[in-house]
Amino acid sequence: MLVLAIDTSGTGCAAAVCDGATEALLASAGEDIGRGHAERLMEFIDEALGASGKRLEDIDRIAVTVGPGSFTGIRVGVAAARGLALALGKPAVGVTTLHVIAERARQAEPGRPVLVAIDAKRDEVYTQCFDALGEPAGPAEVLPAREARERLSGFAGIACGSGAHLVTAAEVSGQADRIDIAIVARLGAAADPASAKPKPIYLRGPDAKPQAGFAVTRATTG
């Protein structure tokens, strides 16, 4: 099974082609671009396909990061994955950024439970626990840092992510929040398309909100 993996959940924009049966990464492309994911994503998809020697029609499944992360970036990636899946008649699956970061830490130190905590700013963290087999041990949440510390300070395992030091005294892995596109592909290959349909996970609303008092009055016809 050939998997096309897509990540636009943060400042990076990446795509990769992976053999889901062997977990071999055939090719990847991407950059840390900050903004402009919508303009660059298809370029990176084409580059990854070309380097792998595969065509878009050869792809059996699309995997995409669904957050938490950049509100706009997540929308771009999920929309692209859904559109490609519809055009190709192939399934698309969503993979959370928390799961990807946890899996990176678990690969470095297998056999241990993992706590992921991403600094969400505003004195909050995105957090989720995973068991020693890499399966979610609880829901993904956004919590005030103080509440997260009260609940998770006694965690026994590996802590990782940019917000790990804010919430626990457990051993903190050196892994950053960078998304490994190869892990996105591998988790996507193992996901169940029936239960992992790509749907954005925002956990909280967007930072940019309409300003009250500046709505445009609609013209009425009488």
Foldseek 3Di string as FASTA:
>chain_A
DWEWEWEQQEQKTKIWIADLVVLHTQFMDIDSHRDDNLPCNVVRSVVRCVSSVHDLLPHQEYEYEQDDGAPVRNVSGLVVRVVSCVVNVHFYFYDYLQLQLQVVVCVVPAQWKEKEWEPPPPQKTFIFIAGRVSHTPDDTAIGRLVVLQVVPQPDETEYEEPCRVSRYPYHYDPGYSDGDRSSSRNVRSVDDRVPGHRDHDHNDDDPDDDDPPPDDDDDDDD
